[in-house]
Amino acid sequence: MRILVSALEVSSNLHLKELSKHLEGVEFIGIYEFEDQKGIYTPKDFSIMGFIDIFRKIRFFKSILKEMCEMAKEADKVLLLDSSGFNLPLAKAIRKKYPHKEIIYYILPQVWAWKPWRVKALKRYCNKLYGILPFEIGMYRGRAEYIGHPLLDEIPHFKTEVSEEGSIVFMPGSRKQEIKRMFPLFCEVAKELENERKVLVIPHQFDEEKIKEYYGEIPEEFEVVSDANLALYEAKFAFICSGTATLQSALIGTPFVLGYKAKTLDLWIAKMFVKLRYIGLANILSSHCGGGVVHQEFIQGECNATNLLQSYWATNREEFFEKIQRLREYLAFGSSQRLAQKILE
C-alpha cells in the first residue's frame, strides 16, 4: 500500500514515526521526515510562525499543494496530519480531482478555538476523521472518532509519585522566532537557579549550524540534550514555551510553567479570532475533565524572569500530581496502533 502523507509539523512527524511501526510494508510519499525517511518536502520547508510569515509564503504553499495533488494519483490512500491551513485546501483539491480517493484526517484542527466552519469542510472532503482530544469529537456530530492521544504511545516512562529531586529543564520551542524570543529569557531565569542542574532541550533534527543560528552562544551552565521525554522524566521542574511539550510534561508528571511571547501584530490578530481562556493544552484538557488549572501561563509582558521564577518556587507538587492523574485517565490510551488498524481496513 502507498499512502500520500502531509505532515508539516515536527510533532506530527513524531506521531507518524510511531504510526509507521504498525504499518509494515506501507510506503509513504509526500511531506514528512523521521529518522532516515523523508518525502519530497519536510517540516523544514514549512517552518514559519505567525500570520505575517504565512502571507509571505502563500505562493510557495500553492505550488506545493498543486504538486501534492498530482502525487495523490499514485497513492492508495491519503493521510493528512494537523496543519489545517494547508491540509484542508489539499483535501479539497484531491477530492475534486480524484472523487473516490480515500482521505483520512488525523489530529483534527482546533475548531473549538477558532474557524468552526472547518467542521463542515472536513466532513465534506474527508472520508475518515480521527481526533486526539476527547472533547472535540462531539462537534462533528457522529462523523469523527476519538482515536487516542499519540503522546501516550511516545512517552516511555511516567512518574508514579511526587518527586522533589532532579534537574531543571528549559524548552524554548522548535521554531526560530520563538527560540530567539524565549531562550534569552530562559538564560536569565537559569542564572538565578544556582547549584541546580540545568538542561536545555534542543530538537534532535537541529544540526550545529542551525543551533548556532537559533540559540547563539549557549551558556556553559546548560547541559544540552535532544531526548525531551528523558529530560522531563528526570526533571523536578520545567520552563516551557507553548506547544505540545506542555502536555508532554504534564503526562510525564513534571511540574512546569508556560511562557510565551509573540509578535505584537500576531497576538492582536489571534485575540481577534481565537477565543480561549488558556493557551496551554494541559490546562485546556484539564478544564474539560474537571481538573482545573494544571500550570501557570505567562504571556507577552507578563512573561518575565520574575514571574517564571515565582511560579517555580510556589509550585504545589502534590496538587499538580493529583490533577495530572485525572488528565491521564481522561485521555485513556494512545492512538498509533488503533489508527494503523483503521488505515489498513
C-alpha atoms as a PDB file:
ATOM      1  CA  MET A   1       0.000   0.000   0.000  1.00  0.00           C
ATOM      2  CA  ARG A   2       1.186   3.520  -0.830  1.00  0.00           C
ATOM      3  CA  ILE A   3      -0.009   6.459   1.284  1.00  0.00           C
ATOM      4  CA  LEU A   4       0.304  10.143   0.415  1.00  0.00           C
ATOM      5  CA  VAL A   5       1.236  11.867   3.681  1.00  0.00           C
ATOM      6  CA  SER A   6       1.099  15.551   4.573  1.00  0.00           C
ATOM      7  CA  ALA A   7       2.836  16.105   7.930  1.00  0.00           C
ATOM      8  CA  LEU A   8       4.092  19.681   8.160  1.00  0.00           C
ATOM      9  CA  GLU A   9       4.809  19.895  11.886  1.00  0.00           C
ATOM     10  CA  VAL A  10       7.752  18.342  13.749  1.00  0.00           C
ATOM     11  CA  SER A  11       5.303  16.910  16.292  1.00  0.00           C
ATOM     12  CA  SER A  12       3.195  15.374  13.502  1.00  0.00           C
ATOM     13  CA  ASN A  13       6.265  13.541  12.230  1.00  0.00           C
ATOM     14  CA  LEU A  14       6.950  12.126  15.677  1.00  0.00           C
ATOM     15  CA  HIS A  15       3.397  10.765  15.636  1.00  0.00           C
ATOM     16  CA  LEU A  16       3.907   9.459  12.091  1.00  0.00           C
ATOM     17  CA  LYS A  17       7.081   7.664  13.171  1.00  0.00           C
ATOM     18  CA  GLU A  18       5.140   5.866  15.903  1.00  0.00           C
ATOM     19  CA  LEU A  19       2.345   5.018  13.477  1.00  0.00           C
ATOM     20  CA  SER A  20       4.808   3.561  10.957  1.00  0.00           C
ATOM     21  CA  LYS A  21       5.761   0.853  13.461  1.00  0.00           C
ATOM     22  CA  HIS A  22       2.303  -0.655  12.941  1.00  0.00           C
ATOM     23  CA  LEU A  23       2.198  -0.259   9.142  1.00  0.00           C
ATOM     24  CA  GLU A  24       4.678  -2.839   7.928  1.00  0.00           C
ATOM     25  CA  GLY A  25       5.018  -2.860   4.151  1.00  0.00           C
ATOM     26  CA  VAL A  26       3.321   0.514   3.703  1.00  0.00           C
ATOM     27  CA  GLU A  27       5.168   3.137   1.639  1.00  0.00           C
ATOM     28  CA  PHE A  28       4.853   6.841   2.447  1.00  0.00           C
ATOM     29  CA  ILE A  29       5.154   9.581  -0.169  1.00  0.00           C
ATOM     30  CA  GLY A  30       4.642  13.338   0.190  1.00  0.00           C
ATOM     31  CA  ILE A  31       5.625  15.670   3.045  1.00  0.00           C
ATOM     32  CA  TYR A  32       7.279  14.043   6.073  1.00  0.00           C
ATOM     33  CA  GLU A  33      10.592  13.327   7.783  1.00  0.00           C
ATOM     34  CA  PHE A  34      11.542  10.961  10.580  1.00  0.00           C
ATOM     35  CA  GLU A  35      14.755   9.051  11.203  1.00  0.00           C
ATOM     36  CA  ASP A  36      16.237   8.254   7.757  1.00  0.00           C
ATOM     37  CA  GLN A  37      12.961   8.607   5.889  1.00  0.00           C
ATOM     38  CA  LYS A  38      11.802  11.769   4.159  1.00  0.00           C
ATOM     39  CA  GLY A  39       9.403  12.874   1.441  1.00  0.00           C
ATOM     40  CA  ILE A  40       9.784  15.376  -1.379  1.00  0.00           C
ATOM     41  CA  TYR A  41       9.330  18.109   1.258  1.00  0.00           C
ATOM     42  CA  THR A  42       9.891  18.097   5.025  1.00  0.00           C
ATOM     43  CA  PRO A  43       8.762  20.204   8.020  1.00  0.00           C
ATOM     44  CA  LYS A  44      11.844  22.395   7.492  1.00  0.00           C
ATOM     45  CA  ASP A  45      10.194  23.752   4.345  1.00  0.00           C
ATOM     46  CA  PHE A  46       7.202  24.878   6.403  1.00  0.00           C
ATOM     47  CA  SER A  47       8.992  26.325   9.406  1.00  0.00           C
ATOM     48  CA  ILE A  48       7.031  29.528   9.912  1.00  0.00           C
ATOM     49  CA  MET A  49       5.494  31.249  12.894  1.00  0.00           C
ATOM     50  CA  GLY A  50       2.635  33.722  12.912  1.00  0.00           C
ATOM     51  CA  PHE A  51       0.205  35.185  10.412  1.00  0.00           C
ATOM     52  CA  ILE A  52       2.714  37.532   8.744  1.00  0.00           C
ATOM     53  CA  ASP A  53       5.082  34.687   7.814  1.00  0.00           C
ATOM     54  CA  ILE A  54       2.171  32.756   6.290  1.00  0.00           C
ATOM     55  CA  PHE A  55       1.275  35.628   3.974  1.00  0.00           C
ATOM     56  CA  ARG A  56       4.873  35.822   2.740  1.00  0.00           C
ATOM     57  CA  LYS A  57       4.875  32.181   1.619  1.00  0.00           C
ATOM     58  CA  ILE A  58       1.416  31.864   0.030  1.00  0.00           C
ATOM     59  CA  ARG A  59       2.792  31.387  -3.498  1.00  0.00           C
ATOM     60  CA  PHE A  60       5.187  28.674  -2.245  1.00  0.00           C
ATOM     61  CA  PHE A  61       2.347  26.833  -0.485  1.00  0.00           C
ATOM     62  CA  LYS A  62       0.164  26.948  -3.593  1.00  0.00           C
ATOM     63  CA  SER A  63       2.862  25.367  -5.755  1.00  0.00           C
ATOM     64  CA  ILE A  64       3.403  22.537  -3.267  1.00  0.00           C
ATOM     65  CA  LEU A  65      -0.341  21.990  -2.930  1.00  0.00           C
ATOM     66  CA  LYS A  66      -0.592  21.519  -6.702  1.00  0.00           C
ATOM     67  CA  GLU A  67       2.343  19.093  -6.682  1.00  0.00           C
ATOM     68  CA  MET A  68       0.853  17.073  -3.801  1.00  0.00           C
ATOM     69  CA  CYS A  69      -2.473  16.884  -5.593  1.00  0.00           C
ATOM     70  CA  GLU A  70      -0.738  15.376  -8.629  1.00  0.00           C
ATOM     71  CA  MET A  71       1.055  12.849  -6.397  1.00  0.00           C
ATOM     72  CA  ALA A  72      -2.278  11.674  -4.989  1.00  0.00           C
ATOM     73  CA  LYS A  73      -2.793   9.778  -8.242  1.00  0.00           C
ATOM     74  CA  GLU A  74      -0.002   7.388  -7.205  1.00  0.00           C
ATOM     75  CA  ALA A  75      -1.412   6.776  -3.708  1.00  0.00           C
ATOM     76  CA  ASP A  76      -3.924   4.200  -2.471  1.00  0.00           C
ATOM     77  CA  LYS A  77      -4.935   6.482   0.402  1.00  0.00           C
ATOM     78  CA  VAL A  78      -4.237   9.986   1.690  1.00  0.00           C
ATOM     79  CA  LEU A  79      -3.268  10.729   5.309  1.00  0.00           C
ATOM     80  CA  LEU A  80      -3.368  14.359   6.481  1.00  0.00           C
ATOM     81  CA  LEU A  81      -1.970  15.260   9.902  1.00  0.00           C
ATOM     82  CA  ASP A  82      -2.921  18.517  11.661  1.00  0.00           C
ATOM     83  CA  SER A  83      -1.950  21.796   9.857  1.00  0.00           C
ATOM     84  CA  SER A  84      -5.435  22.559   8.501  1.00  0.00           C
ATOM     85  CA  GLY A  85      -4.290  25.811   6.857  1.00  0.00           C
ATOM     86  CA  PHE A  86      -2.542  23.666   4.236  1.00  0.00           C
ATOM     87  CA  ASN A  87      -4.184  20.257   4.604  1.00  0.00           C
ATOM     88  CA  LEU A  88      -7.789  21.355   4.287  1.00  0.00           C
ATOM     89  CA  PRO A  89      -7.238  23.040   0.868  1.00  0.00           C
ATOM     90  CA  LEU A  90      -5.241  19.936  -0.098  1.00  0.00           C
ATOM     91  CA  ALA A  91      -8.149  17.671   0.862  1.00  0.00           C
ATOM     92  CA  LYS A  92     -10.498  19.827  -1.220  1.00  0.00           C
ATOM     93  CA  ALA A  93      -8.202  19.744  -4.240  1.00  0.00           C
ATOM     94  CA  ILE A  94      -7.705  15.959  -4.061  1.00  0.00           C
ATOM     95  CA  ARG A  95     -11.422  15.317  -3.602  1.00  0.00           C
ATOM     96  CA  LYS A  96     -12.172  17.415  -6.711  1.00  0.00           C
ATOM     97  CA  LYS A  97      -9.510  15.716  -8.850  1.00  0.00           C
ATOM     98  CA  TYR A  98      -9.963  12.169  -7.511  1.00  0.00           C
ATOM     99  CA  PRO A  99     -13.531  11.863  -6.135  1.00  0.00           C
ATOM    100  CA  HIS A 100     -13.105   8.262  -4.985  1.00  0.00           C
ATOM    101  CA  LYS A 101      -9.731   8.606  -3.246  1.00  0.00           C
ATOM    102  CA  GLU A 102      -9.927   7.802   0.494  1.00  0.00           C
ATOM    103  CA  ILE A 103      -8.798  10.789   2.574  1.00  0.00           C
ATOM    104  CA  ILE A 104      -8.037  10.293   6.276  1.00  0.00           C
ATOM    105  CA  TYR A 105      -7.586  13.275   8.598  1.00  0.00           C
ATOM    106  CA  TYR A 106      -5.671  12.575  11.824  1.00  0.00           C
ATOM    107  CA  ILE A 107      -5.212  15.216  14.554  1.00  0.00           C
ATOM    108  CA  LEU A 108      -8.240  17.376  13.836  1.00  0.00           C
ATOM    109  CA  PRO A 109      -7.873  21.166  13.617  1.00  0.00           C
ATOM    110  CA  GLN A 110      -8.744  23.173  16.712  1.00  0.00           C
ATOM    111  CA  VAL A 111     -12.241  24.187  15.604  1.00  0.00           C
ATOM    112  CA  TRP A 112     -13.116  24.654  19.275  1.00  0.00           C
ATOM    113  CA  ALA A 113     -10.666  27.582  19.340  1.00  0.00           C
ATOM    114  CA  TRP A 114     -11.377  29.284  16.015  1.00  0.00           C
ATOM    115  CA  LYS A 115     -12.723  28.781  12.487  1.00  0.00           C
ATOM    116  CA  PRO A 116     -15.607  26.427  13.405  1.00  0.00           C
ATOM    117  CA  TRP A 117     -16.670  26.447   9.731  1.00  0.00           C
ATOM    118  CA  ARG A 118     -13.872  23.952   9.093  1.00  0.00           C
ATOM    119  CA  VAL A 119     -16.074  21.215  10.568  1.00  0.00           C
ATOM    120  CA  LYS A 120     -18.361  21.335   7.530  1.00  0.00           C
ATOM    121  CA  ALA A 121     -15.392  21.332   5.142  1.00  0.00           C
ATOM    122  CA  LEU A 122     -13.689  18.401   6.856  1.00  0.00           C
ATOM    123  CA  LYS A 123     -16.886  16.350   6.764  1.00  0.00           C
ATOM    124  CA  ARG A 124     -17.319  17.163   3.084  1.00  0.00           C
ATOM    125  CA  TYR A 125     -13.811  16.432   1.822  1.00  0.00           C
ATOM    126  CA  CYS A 126     -12.557  13.651   4.145  1.00  0.00           C
ATOM    127  CA  ASN A 127     -13.754  10.074   4.466  1.00  0.00           C
ATOM    128  CA  LYS A 128     -12.488   9.441   7.980  1.00  0.00           C
ATOM    129  CA  LEU A 129     -11.855  11.903  10.823  1.00  0.00           C
ATOM    130  CA  TYR A 130      -9.796  10.919  13.863  1.00  0.00           C
ATOM    131  CA  GLY A 131      -9.325  13.244  16.828  1.00  0.00           C
ATOM    132  CA  ILE A 132      -6.790  13.108  19.665  1.00  0.00           C
ATOM    133  CA  LEU A 133      -8.787  15.233  22.148  1.00  0.00           C
ATOM    134  CA  PRO A 134     -11.948  13.633  23.602  1.00  0.00           C
ATOM    135  CA  PHE A 135     -13.953  16.850  23.946  1.00  0.00           C
ATOM    136  CA  GLU A 136     -13.665  17.856  20.255  1.00  0.00           C
ATOM    137  CA  ILE A 137     -15.412  14.774  18.838  1.00  0.00           C
ATOM    138  CA  GLY A 138     -18.950  15.986  19.585  1.00  0.00           C
ATOM    139  CA  MET A 139     -18.508  18.939  17.230  1.00  0.00           C
ATOM    140  CA  TYR A 140     -18.510  16.568  14.254  1.00  0.00           C
ATOM    141  CA  ARG A 141     -21.912  15.040  15.063  1.00  0.00           C
ATOM    142  CA  GLY A 142     -21.059  11.379  14.598  1.00  0.00           C
ATOM    143  CA  ARG A 143     -18.520  11.787  11.779  1.00  0.00           C
ATOM    144  CA  ALA A 144     -15.374  11.842  13.944  1.00  0.00           C
ATOM    145  CA  GLU A 145     -13.881   9.282  16.312  1.00  0.00           C
ATOM    146  CA  TYR A 146     -11.581   9.674  19.311  1.00  0.00           C
ATOM    147  CA  ILE A 147      -8.592   7.543  18.324  1.00  0.00           C
ATOM    148  CA  GLY A 148      -6.418   8.205  21.413  1.00  0.00           C
ATOM    149  CA  HIS A 149      -3.605  10.641  22.120  1.00  0.00           C
ATOM    150  CA  PRO A 150      -0.249   9.910  20.424  1.00  0.00           C
ATOM    151  CA  LEU A 151       1.843  11.191  23.333  1.00  0.00           C
ATOM    152  CA  LEU A 152       0.694   8.201  25.376  1.00  0.00           C
ATOM    153  CA  ASP A 153       2.423   5.987  22.801  1.00  0.00           C
ATOM    154  CA  GLU A 154       5.583   8.076  22.612  1.00  0.00           C
ATOM    155  CA  ILE A 155       6.327   8.644  26.305  1.00  0.00           C
ATOM    156  CA  PRO A 156       8.298   5.614  27.579  1.00  0.00           C
ATOM    157  CA  HIS A 157       8.123   6.344  31.308  1.00  0.00           C
ATOM    158  CA  PHE A 158       5.554   8.062  33.538  1.00  0.00           C
ATOM    159  CA  LYS A 159       6.152   9.209  37.110  1.00  0.00           C
ATOM    160  CA  THR A 160       4.136   7.290  39.668  1.00  0.00           C
ATOM    161  CA  GLU A 161       4.787   9.510  42.659  1.00  0.00           C
ATOM    162  CA  VAL A 162       5.621  13.086  43.598  1.00  0.00           C
ATOM    163  CA  SER A 163       9.322  13.910  43.343  1.00  0.00           C
ATOM    164  CA  GLU A 164      11.282  16.932  44.562  1.00  0.00           C
ATOM    165  CA  GLU A 165      14.605  15.738  43.149  1.00  0.00           C
ATOM    166  CA  GLY A 166      16.021  16.235  39.689  1.00  0.00           C
ATOM    167  CA  SER A 167      17.144  18.796  37.158  1.00  0.00           C
ATOM    168  CA  ILE A 168      15.556  21.981  35.811  1.00  0.00           C
ATOM    169  CA  VAL A 169      14.571  21.674  32.148  1.00  0.00           C
ATOM    170  CA  PHE A 170      14.297  24.514  29.644  1.00  0.00           C
ATOM    171  CA  MET A 171      12.350  24.066  26.393  1.00  0.00           C
ATOM    172  CA  PRO A 172      12.248  27.335  24.388  1.00  0.00           C
ATOM    173  CA  GLY A 173      10.422  25.838  21.397  1.00  0.00           C
ATOM    174  CA  SER A 174      11.250  24.431  17.968  1.00  0.00           C
ATOM    175  CA  ARG A 175      10.757  27.425  15.654  1.00  0.00           C
ATOM    176  CA  LYS A 176      13.433  30.030  15.045  1.00  0.00           C
ATOM    177  CA  GLN A 177      11.296  33.017  16.064  1.00  0.00           C
ATOM    178  CA  GLU A 178      10.087  31.545  19.346  1.00  0.00           C
ATOM    179  CA  ILE A 179      13.557  30.318  20.311  1.00  0.00           C
ATOM    180  CA  LYS A 180      15.045  33.759  19.682  1.00  0.00           C
ATOM    181  CA  ARG A 181      12.388  35.322  21.927  1.00  0.00           C
ATOM    182  CA  MET A 182      12.333  32.739  24.713  1.00  0.00           C
ATOM    183  CA  PHE A 183      15.911  31.466  25.049  1.00  0.00           C
ATOM    184  CA  PRO A 184      17.428  34.766  26.273  1.00  0.00           C
ATOM    185  CA  LEU A 185      14.693  34.944  28.905  1.00  0.00           C
ATOM    186  CA  PHE A 186      15.317  31.350  29.956  1.00  0.00           C
ATOM    187  CA  CYS A 187      19.032  32.159  30.267  1.00  0.00           C
ATOM    188  CA  GLU A 188      18.106  34.982  32.618  1.00  0.00           C
ATOM    189  CA  VAL A 189      15.989  32.582  34.689  1.00  0.00           C
ATOM    190  CA  ALA A 190      18.755  29.953  34.756  1.00  0.00           C
ATOM    191  CA  LYS A 191      21.237  32.440  36.256  1.00  0.00           C
ATOM    192  CA  GLU A 192      19.007  32.749  39.314  1.00  0.00           C
ATOM    193  CA  LEU A 193      18.883  28.997  39.893  1.00  0.00           C
ATOM    194  CA  GLU A 194      22.296  28.411  41.402  1.00  0.00           C
ATOM    195  CA  ASN A 195      23.502  24.928  42.334  1.00  0.00           C
ATOM    196  CA  GLU A 196      20.876  23.331  40.097  1.00  0.00           C
ATOM    197  CA  ARG A 197      21.464  21.012  37.162  1.00  0.00           C
ATOM    198  CA  LYS A 198      20.089  22.939  34.153  1.00  0.00           C
ATOM    199  CA  VAL A 199      19.142  21.040  30.997  1.00  0.00           C
ATOM    200  CA  LEU A 200      18.395  22.648  27.629  1.00  0.00           C
ATOM    201  CA  VAL A 201      16.335  20.511  25.243  1.00  0.00           C
ATOM    202  CA  ILE A 202      17.156  21.137  21.591  1.00  0.00           C
ATOM    203  CA  PRO A 203      15.149  19.372  18.835  1.00  0.00           C
ATOM    204  CA  HIS A 204      17.076  16.348  17.593  1.00  0.00           C
ATOM    205  CA  GLN A 205      16.817  17.426  13.945  1.00  0.00           C
ATOM    206  CA  PHE A 206      18.854  20.628  14.513  1.00  0.00           C
ATOM    207  CA  ASP A 207      22.420  20.496  13.192  1.00  0.00           C
ATOM    208  CA  GLU A 208      25.302  22.599  14.575  1.00  0.00           C
ATOM    209  CA  GLU A 209      24.739  25.379  12.055  1.00  0.00           C
ATOM    210  CA  LYS A 210      21.072  25.737  12.969  1.00  0.00           C
ATOM    211  CA  ILE A 211      21.805  25.607  16.696  1.00  0.00           C
ATOM    212  CA  LYS A 212      24.306  28.439  16.279  1.00  0.00           C
ATOM    213  CA  GLU A 213      21.815  30.460  14.234  1.00  0.00           C
ATOM    214  CA  TYR A 214      18.838  29.923  16.547  1.00  0.00           C
ATOM    215  CA  TYR A 215      20.467  29.939  20.003  1.00  0.00           C
ATOM    216  CA  GLY A 216      23.706  31.847  19.584  1.00  0.00           C
ATOM    217  CA  GLU A 217      26.302  31.044  22.247  1.00  0.00           C
ATOM    218  CA  ILE A 218      24.789  28.607  24.742  1.00  0.00           C
ATOM    219  CA  PRO A 219      25.992  29.316  28.315  1.00  0.00           C
ATOM    220  CA  GLU A 220      28.163  26.563  29.807  1.00  0.00           C
ATOM    221  CA  GLU A 221      25.752  26.098  32.710  1.00  0.00           C
ATOM    222  CA  PHE A 222      23.346  24.288  30.371  1.00  0.00           C
ATOM    223  CA  GLU A 223      23.608  20.596  29.663  1.00  0.00           C
ATOM    224  CA  VAL A 224      22.324  20.191  26.091  1.00  0.00           C
ATOM    225  CA  VAL A 225      20.188  17.142  25.230  1.00  0.00           C
ATOM    226  CA  SER A 226      17.722  16.158  22.497  1.00  0.00           C
ATOM    227  CA  ASP A 227      15.629  13.490  24.259  1.00  0.00           C
ATOM    228  CA  ALA A 228      12.744  15.541  25.677  1.00  0.00           C
ATOM    229  CA  ASN A 229      10.977  12.558  27.245  1.00  0.00           C
ATOM    230  CA  LEU A 230      14.039  11.505  29.247  1.00  0.00           C
ATOM    231  CA  ALA A 231      14.900  15.074  30.201  1.00  0.00           C
ATOM    232  CA  LEU A 232      11.398  15.740  31.530  1.00  0.00           C
ATOM    233  CA  TYR A 233      11.240  12.406  33.335  1.00  0.00           C
ATOM    234  CA  GLU A 234      14.496  13.200  35.193  1.00  0.00           C
ATOM    235  CA  ALA A 235      13.442  16.782  35.979  1.00  0.00           C
ATOM    236  CA  LYS A 236      11.753  18.268  39.013  1.00  0.00           C
ATOM    237  CA  PHE A 237      10.512  21.318  37.075  1.00  0.00           C
ATOM    238  CA  ALA A 238      10.424  22.689  33.519  1.00  0.00           C
ATOM    239  CA  PHE A 239      10.214  26.094  31.864  1.00  0.00           C
ATOM    240  CA  ILE A 240       8.391  25.558  28.569  1.00  0.00           C
ATOM    241  CA  CYS A 241       7.381  27.624  25.572  1.00  0.00           C
ATOM    242  CA  SER A 242       3.808  26.989  24.444  1.00  0.00           C
ATOM    243  CA  GLY A 243       3.357  23.804  22.401  1.00  0.00           C
ATOM    244  CA  THR A 244       2.961  20.034  22.608  1.00  0.00           C
ATOM    245  CA  ALA A 245       5.749  19.963  25.209  1.00  0.00           C
ATOM    246  CA  THR A 246       3.370  21.388  27.828  1.00  0.00           C
ATOM    247  CA  LEU A 247       1.085  18.354  27.621  1.00  0.00           C
ATOM    248  CA  GLN A 248       4.141  16.101  27.353  1.00  0.00           C
ATOM    249  CA  SER A 249       5.484  17.401  30.662  1.00  0.00           C
ATOM    250  CA  ALA A 250       2.087  17.112  32.340  1.00  0.00           C
ATOM    251  CA  LEU A 251       1.566  13.499  31.271  1.00  0.00           C
ATOM    252  CA  ILE A 252       5.087  12.516  32.329  1.00  0.00           C
ATOM    253  CA  GLY A 253       4.390  14.081  35.732  1.00  0.00           C
ATOM    254  CA  THR A 254       6.830  17.004  35.832  1.00  0.00           C
ATOM    255  CA  PRO A 255       5.516  20.394  37.067  1.00  0.00           C
ATOM    256  CA  PHE A 256       6.169  23.311  34.730  1.00  0.00           C
ATOM    257  CA  VAL A 257       5.309  26.876  33.821  1.00  0.00           C
ATOM    258  CA  LEU A 258       4.356  28.063  30.338  1.00  0.00           C
ATOM    259  CA  GLY A 259       5.923  31.225  28.929  1.00  0.00           C
ATOM    260  CA  TYR A 260       5.154  32.682  25.538  1.00  0.00           C
ATOM    261  CA  LYS A 261       5.981  35.798  23.541  1.00  0.00           C
ATOM    262  CA  ALA A 262       4.733  36.589  20.045  1.00  0.00           C
ATOM    263  CA  LYS A 263       4.929  39.455  17.580  1.00  0.00           C
ATOM    264  CA  THR A 264       2.533  42.196  18.667  1.00  0.00           C
ATOM    265  CA  LEU A 265       0.589  42.070  15.407  1.00  0.00           C
ATOM    266  CA  ASP A 266       0.306  38.275  15.507  1.00  0.00           C
ATOM    267  CA  LEU A 267      -1.023  38.445  19.065  1.00  0.00           C
ATOM    268  CA  TRP A 268      -3.546  41.116  18.130  1.00  0.00           C
ATOM    269  CA  ILE A 269      -4.819  39.032  15.192  1.00  0.00           C
ATOM    270  CA  ALA A 270      -5.004  35.928  17.392  1.00  0.00           C
ATOM    271  CA  LYS A 271      -7.071  37.734  20.021  1.00  0.00           C
ATOM    272  CA  MET A 272      -9.475  38.833  17.293  1.00  0.00           C
ATOM    273  CA  PHE A 273     -10.236  35.276  16.248  1.00  0.00           C
ATOM    274  CA  VAL A 274      -9.171  32.835  18.969  1.00  0.00           C
ATOM    275  CA  LYS A 275     -11.460  32.630  21.971  1.00  0.00           C
ATOM    276  CA  LEU A 276      -9.638  30.614  24.618  1.00  0.00           C
ATOM    277  CA  ARG A 277      -9.231  31.040  28.347  1.00  0.00           C
ATOM    278  CA  TYR A 278      -5.932  29.127  28.309  1.00  0.00           C
ATOM    279  CA  ILE A 279      -3.263  28.513  25.678  1.00  0.00           C
ATOM    280  CA  GLY A 280      -1.615  25.509  27.352  1.00  0.00           C
ATOM    281  CA  LEU A 281      -3.052  22.211  26.133  1.00  0.00           C
ATOM    282  CA  ALA A 282      -2.809  20.644  29.586  1.00  0.00           C
ATOM    283  CA  ASN A 283      -4.966  23.458  31.017  1.00  0.00           C
ATOM    284  CA  ILE A 284      -7.456  23.236  28.138  1.00  0.00           C
ATOM    285  CA  LEU A 285      -7.857  19.471  28.581  1.00  0.00           C
ATOM    286  CA  SER A 286      -7.956  19.679  32.362  1.00  0.00           C
ATOM    287  CA  SER A 287     -10.779  22.224  32.214  1.00  0.00           C
ATOM    288  CA  HIS A 288     -12.836  19.670  30.247  1.00  0.00           C
ATOM    289  CA  CYS A 289     -12.270  16.824  32.683  1.00  0.00           C
ATOM    290  CA  GLY A 290     -12.852  18.813  35.867  1.00  0.00           C
ATOM    291  CA  GLY A 291      -9.233  19.085  36.938  1.00  0.00           C
ATOM    292  CA  GLY A 292      -8.914  22.876  36.907  1.00  0.00           C
ATOM    293  CA  VAL A 293      -5.708  24.791  36.185  1.00  0.00           C
ATOM    294  CA  VAL A 294      -2.684  22.486  35.963  1.00  0.00           C
ATOM    295  CA  HIS A 295       0.038  25.100  35.421  1.00  0.00           C
ATOM    296  CA  GLN A 296       0.550  28.855  35.290  1.00  0.00           C
ATOM    297  CA  GLU A 297       0.739  30.711  31.977  1.00  0.00           C
ATOM    298  CA  PHE A 298       2.599  33.969  31.351  1.00  0.00           C
ATOM    299  CA  ILE A 299       2.105  35.736  28.014  1.00  0.00           C
ATOM    300  CA  GLN A 300       3.824  38.766  26.463  1.00  0.00           C
ATOM    301  CA  GLY A 301       4.648  41.403  29.121  1.00  0.00           C
ATOM    302  CA  GLU A 302       3.826  39.027  31.980  1.00  0.00           C
ATOM    303  CA  CYS A 303       6.343  36.558  30.594  1.00  0.00           C
ATOM    304  CA  ASN A 304       9.377  37.752  32.533  1.00  0.00           C
ATOM    305  CA  ALA A 305      12.022  36.182  34.756  1.00  0.00           C
ATOM    306  CA  THR A 306      10.373  37.322  37.994  1.00  0.00           C
ATOM    307  CA  ASN A 307       7.020  35.674  37.229  1.00  0.00           C
ATOM    308  CA  LEU A 308       8.575  32.484  35.886  1.00  0.00           C
ATOM    309  CA  LEU A 309      10.776  32.074  38.960  1.00  0.00           C
ATOM    310  CA  GLN A 310       7.907  32.780  41.353  1.00  0.00           C
ATOM    311  CA  SER A 311       5.910  30.046  39.634  1.00  0.00           C
ATOM    312  CA  TYR A 312       8.785  27.623  40.172  1.00  0.00           C
ATOM    313  CA  TRP A 313       9.125  28.450  43.868  1.00  0.00           C
ATOM    314  CA  ALA A 314       5.377  28.401  44.519  1.00  0.00           C
ATOM    315  CA  THR A 315       4.574  25.098  42.795  1.00  0.00           C
ATOM    316  CA  ASN A 316       2.426  22.705  44.836  1.00  0.00           C
ATOM    317  CA  ARG A 317       3.733  19.342  43.628  1.00  0.00           C
ATOM    318  CA  GLU A 318       1.113  17.212  45.365  1.00  0.00           C
ATOM    319  CA  GLU A 319      -1.737  19.230  43.847  1.00  0.00           C
ATOM    320  CA  PHE A 320      -0.126  19.116  40.399  1.00  0.00           C
ATOM    321  CA  PHE A 321       0.291  15.340  40.561  1.00  0.00           C
ATOM    322  CA  GLU A 322      -3.337  14.829  41.581  1.00  0.00           C
ATOM    323  CA  LYS A 323      -4.531  16.858  38.584  1.00  0.00           C
ATOM    324  CA  ILE A 324      -2.361  15.116  36.018  1.00  0.00           C
ATOM    325  CA  GLN A 325      -3.601  11.730  37.222  1.00  0.00           C
ATOM    326  CA  ARG A 326      -7.081  12.822  36.180  1.00  0.00           C
ATOM    327  CA  LEU A 327      -5.683  14.067  32.871  1.00  0.00           C
ATOM    328  CA  ARG A 328      -4.092  10.701  32.119  1.00  0.00           C
ATOM    329  CA  GLU A 329      -7.375   8.950  32.832  1.00  0.00           C
ATOM    330  CA  TYR A 330      -9.242  11.378  30.577  1.00  0.00           C
ATOM    331  CA  LEU A 331      -7.039  10.673  27.547  1.00  0.00           C
ATOM    332  CA  ALA A 332      -7.067   6.960  28.403  1.00  0.00           C
ATOM    333  CA  PHE A 333      -4.959   5.451  25.614  1.00  0.00           C
ATOM    334  CA  GLY A 334      -2.600   6.026  22.701  1.00  0.00           C
ATOM    335  CA  SER A 335      -3.533   6.271  19.035  1.00  0.00           C
ATOM    336  CA  SER A 336      -0.865   4.727  16.789  1.00  0.00           C
ATOM    337  CA  GLN A 337      -1.960   1.078  16.823  1.00  0.00           C
ATOM    338  CA  ARG A 338      -5.663   1.991  16.606  1.00  0.00           C
ATOM    339  CA  LEU A 339      -5.075   4.339  13.700  1.00  0.00           C
ATOM    340  CA  ALA A 340      -2.949   1.775  11.850  1.00  0.00           C
ATOM    341  CA  GLN A 341      -5.809  -0.727  12.077  1.00  0.00           C
ATOM    342  CA  LYS A 342      -8.235   1.837  10.661  1.00  0.00           C
ATOM    343  CA  ILE A 343      -5.890   2.668   7.773  1.00  0.00           C
ATOM    344  CA  LEU A 344      -5.446  -0.975   6.833  1.00  0.00           C
ATOM    345  CA  GLU A 345      -9.183  -1.699   6.800  1.00  0.00           C
END
